[in-house]
């Protein structure tokens, strides 16, 4: 329909309409919650990477202990 071409004037019009519909207070609350969600998501990803690293280290330690027992 639009060909995927949104210029600066179109974006400004959309932002003004959003501002009129929701108001400044509501938009600030939504942006704050969005920021918290992104931080939580990033923290979860980094925690998952650390957990995987710890699991690999534990498996290696188990393998090493089994080798020394044999």
N, C-alpha and C. Protein backbone atom coordinates (compact mmCIF):
# COMPACT_ATOMS: atom_id res chain seq x y z
N UNK A 1 0.82 -1.19 0.00
CA UNK A 1 0.00 0.00 0.00
C UNK A 1 0.87 1.25 0.00
N UNK A 2 1.80 1.35 0.97
CA UNK A 2 2.67 2.52 1.03
C UNK A 2 4.03 2.24 0.41
N UNK A 3 4.29 1.01 0.06
CA UNK A 3 5.56 0.66 -0.53
C UNK A 3 6.70 0.65 0.46
N UNK A 4 6.40 0.73 1.76
CA UNK A 4 7.44 0.69 2.78
C UNK A 4 8.26 1.96 2.85
N UNK A 5 7.74 3.06 2.34
CA UNK A 5 8.49 4.31 2.32
C UNK A 5 7.83 5.32 3.27
N UNK A 6 8.36 5.35 4.47
CA UNK A 6 7.88 6.32 5.43
C UNK A 6 8.97 7.37 5.60
N UNK A 7 8.63 8.60 5.31
CA UNK A 7 9.58 9.68 5.46
C UNK A 7 9.43 10.35 6.81
N UNK A 8 10.20 11.37 7.02
CA UNK A 8 10.16 12.11 8.28
C UNK A 8 8.80 12.76 8.54
N UNK A 9 8.16 13.36 7.54
CA UNK A 9 6.84 13.96 7.81
C UNK A 9 5.80 12.94 8.27
N UNK A 10 5.81 11.75 7.68
CA UNK A 10 4.84 10.73 8.08
C UNK A 10 5.08 10.26 9.51
N UNK A 11 6.35 10.09 9.86
CA UNK A 11 6.69 9.66 11.21
C UNK A 11 6.29 10.72 12.23
N UNK A 12 6.51 11.98 11.91
CA UNK A 12 6.12 13.07 12.82
C UNK A 12 4.61 13.10 13.01
N UNK A 13 3.85 12.92 11.93
CA UNK A 13 2.39 12.91 12.04
C UNK A 13 1.93 11.77 12.94
N UNK A 14 2.51 10.59 12.78
CA UNK A 14 2.14 9.44 13.61
C UNK A 14 2.47 9.73 15.07
N UNK A 15 3.64 10.29 15.34
CA UNK A 15 4.02 10.60 16.73
C UNK A 15 3.09 11.64 17.35
N UNK A 16 2.69 12.63 16.60
CA UNK A 16 1.76 13.64 17.12
C UNK A 16 0.41 13.01 17.44
N UNK A 17 -0.07 12.13 16.57
CA UNK A 17 -1.36 11.47 16.82
C UNK A 17 -1.26 10.59 18.06
N UNK A 18 -0.17 9.86 18.21
CA UNK A 18 0.02 9.02 19.40
C UNK A 18 0.05 9.89 20.65
N UNK A 19 0.75 11.01 20.57
CA UNK A 19 0.82 11.92 21.72
C UNK A 19 -0.55 12.46 22.09
N UNK A 20 -1.36 12.80 21.10
CA UNK A 20 -2.70 13.31 21.37
C UNK A 20 -3.62 12.24 21.95
N UNK A 21 -3.47 11.02 21.47
CA UNK A 21 -4.36 9.95 21.92
C UNK A 21 -4.01 9.50 23.33
N UNK A 22 -2.74 9.27 23.59
CA UNK A 22 -2.33 8.69 24.87
C UNK A 22 -1.92 9.72 25.90
N UNK A 23 -1.39 10.84 25.51
CA UNK A 23 -0.93 11.84 26.46
C UNK A 23 0.49 11.57 26.90
N UNK A 24 1.13 12.62 27.43
CA UNK A 24 2.54 12.54 27.80
C UNK A 24 2.75 11.57 28.96
N UNK A 25 1.90 11.62 29.97
CA UNK A 25 2.07 10.76 31.15
C UNK A 25 2.01 9.29 30.81
N UNK A 26 1.07 8.92 29.99
CA UNK A 26 0.91 7.51 29.62
C UNK A 26 2.10 7.03 28.78
N UNK A 27 2.56 7.88 27.87
CA UNK A 27 3.69 7.49 27.02
C UNK A 27 4.95 7.31 27.86
N UNK A 28 5.17 8.17 28.85
CA UNK A 28 6.36 8.02 29.70
C UNK A 28 6.30 6.74 30.51
N UNK A 29 5.11 6.37 30.99
CA UNK A 29 4.98 5.12 31.73
C UNK A 29 5.24 3.91 30.84
N UNK A 30 4.71 3.96 29.62
CA UNK A 30 4.91 2.85 28.69
C UNK A 30 6.38 2.73 28.33
N UNK A 31 7.06 3.86 28.07
CA UNK A 31 8.48 3.81 27.72
C UNK A 31 9.32 3.31 28.89
N UNK A 32 8.94 3.66 30.10
CA UNK A 32 9.66 3.18 31.29
C UNK A 32 9.51 1.66 31.42
N UNK A 33 8.31 1.16 31.24
CA UNK A 33 8.07 -0.27 31.33
C UNK A 33 8.79 -1.02 30.20
N UNK A 34 8.83 -0.42 29.02
CA UNK A 34 9.55 -1.03 27.91
C UNK A 34 11.04 -1.13 28.21
N UNK A 35 11.60 -0.08 28.80
CA UNK A 35 13.00 -0.10 29.19
C UNK A 35 13.30 -1.18 30.22
N UNK A 36 12.42 -1.32 31.21
CA UNK A 36 12.59 -2.37 32.22
C UNK A 36 12.53 -3.75 31.59
N UNK A 37 11.62 -3.92 30.65
CA UNK A 37 11.49 -5.22 29.98
C UNK A 37 12.75 -5.57 29.19
N UNK A 38 13.29 -4.59 28.48
CA UNK A 38 14.50 -4.83 27.69
C UNK A 38 15.67 -5.17 28.61
N UNK A 39 15.81 -4.44 29.73
CA UNK A 39 16.88 -4.74 30.68
C UNK A 39 16.73 -6.14 31.25
N UNK A 40 15.53 -6.51 31.59
CA UNK A 40 15.27 -7.84 32.14
C UNK A 40 15.59 -8.91 31.11
N UNK A 41 15.22 -8.68 29.87
CA UNK A 41 15.50 -9.64 28.80
C UNK A 41 17.01 -9.81 28.62
N UNK A 42 17.74 -8.71 28.59
CA UNK A 42 19.19 -8.78 28.43
C UNK A 42 19.83 -9.49 29.62
N UNK A 43 19.34 -9.21 30.81
CA UNK A 43 19.87 -9.86 32.01
C UNK A 43 19.61 -11.36 31.95
N UNK A 44 18.44 -11.74 31.46
CA UNK A 44 18.11 -13.16 31.33
C UNK A 44 19.01 -13.84 30.32
N UNK A 45 19.31 -13.16 29.21
CA UNK A 45 20.20 -13.75 28.21
C UNK A 45 21.60 -13.93 28.76
N UNK A 46 22.11 -12.92 29.46
CA UNK A 46 23.47 -13.04 30.00
C UNK A 46 23.51 -14.09 31.11
N UNK A 47 22.45 -14.20 31.88
CA UNK A 47 22.38 -15.22 32.92
C UNK A 47 22.35 -16.61 32.33
N UNK A 48 21.67 -16.76 31.20
CA UNK A 48 21.61 -18.05 30.53
C UNK A 48 22.98 -18.44 30.00
N UNK A 49 23.73 -17.48 29.46
CA UNK A 49 25.07 -17.77 28.96
C UNK A 49 25.99 -18.19 30.10
N UNK A 50 25.90 -17.49 31.24
CA UNK A 50 26.72 -17.85 32.39
C UNK A 50 26.35 -19.23 32.91
N UNK A 51 25.06 -19.55 32.90
CA UNK A 51 24.60 -20.85 33.37
C UNK A 51 25.13 -21.95 32.47
N UNK A 52 25.09 -21.73 31.16
CA UNK A 52 25.63 -22.73 30.22
C UNK A 52 27.12 -22.93 30.44
N UNK A 53 27.84 -21.85 30.69
CA UNK A 53 29.28 -21.95 30.93
C UNK A 53 29.56 -22.74 32.20
N UNK A 54 28.78 -22.48 33.25
CA UNK A 54 28.95 -23.21 34.51
C UNK A 54 28.64 -24.69 34.32
N UNK A 55 27.61 -25.01 33.56
CA UNK A 55 27.25 -26.41 33.31
C UNK A 55 28.37 -27.13 32.57
N UNK A 56 28.98 -26.48 31.59
CA UNK A 56 30.09 -27.10 30.86
C UNK A 56 31.27 -27.34 31.79
N UNK A 57 31.56 -26.37 32.67
CA UNK A 57 32.67 -26.53 33.61
C UNK A 57 32.39 -27.69 34.56
N UNK A 58 31.15 -27.80 35.04
CA UNK A 58 30.79 -28.89 35.94
C UNK A 58 30.92 -30.24 35.25
N UNK A 59 30.50 -30.32 33.99
CA UNK A 59 30.63 -31.58 33.25
C UNK A 59 32.09 -31.95 33.05
N UNK A 60 32.93 -30.96 32.75
CA UNK A 60 34.36 -31.22 32.58
C UNK A 60 34.97 -31.70 33.89
N UNK A 61 34.57 -31.10 35.00
CA UNK A 61 35.09 -31.52 36.31
C UNK A 61 34.66 -32.95 36.63
N UNK A 62 33.43 -33.31 36.29
CA UNK A 62 32.96 -34.67 36.53
C UNK A 62 33.75 -35.65 35.69
N UNK A 63 33.99 -35.30 34.44
CA UNK A 63 34.75 -36.18 33.55
C UNK A 63 36.18 -36.36 34.07
N UNK A 64 36.79 -35.27 34.53
CA UNK A 64 38.14 -35.35 35.07
C UNK A 64 38.20 -36.20 36.32
N UNK A 65 37.19 -36.08 37.18
CA UNK A 65 37.18 -36.88 38.40
C UNK A 65 36.95 -38.34 38.11
N UNK A 66 36.16 -38.64 37.08
CA UNK A 66 35.93 -40.03 36.69
C UNK A 66 37.19 -40.63 36.09
N UNK A 67 37.95 -39.85 35.33
CA UNK A 67 39.20 -40.32 34.74
C UNK A 67 40.22 -40.66 35.82
N UNK A 68 40.27 -39.88 36.86
CA UNK A 68 41.26 -40.13 37.92
C UNK A 68 40.87 -41.33 38.76
N UNK A 69 39.58 -41.64 38.85
CA UNK A 69 39.13 -42.78 39.64
C UNK A 69 39.38 -44.09 38.92
N UNK A 70 39.43 -44.08 37.61
CA UNK A 70 39.60 -45.32 36.82
C UNK A 70 40.99 -45.76 36.80
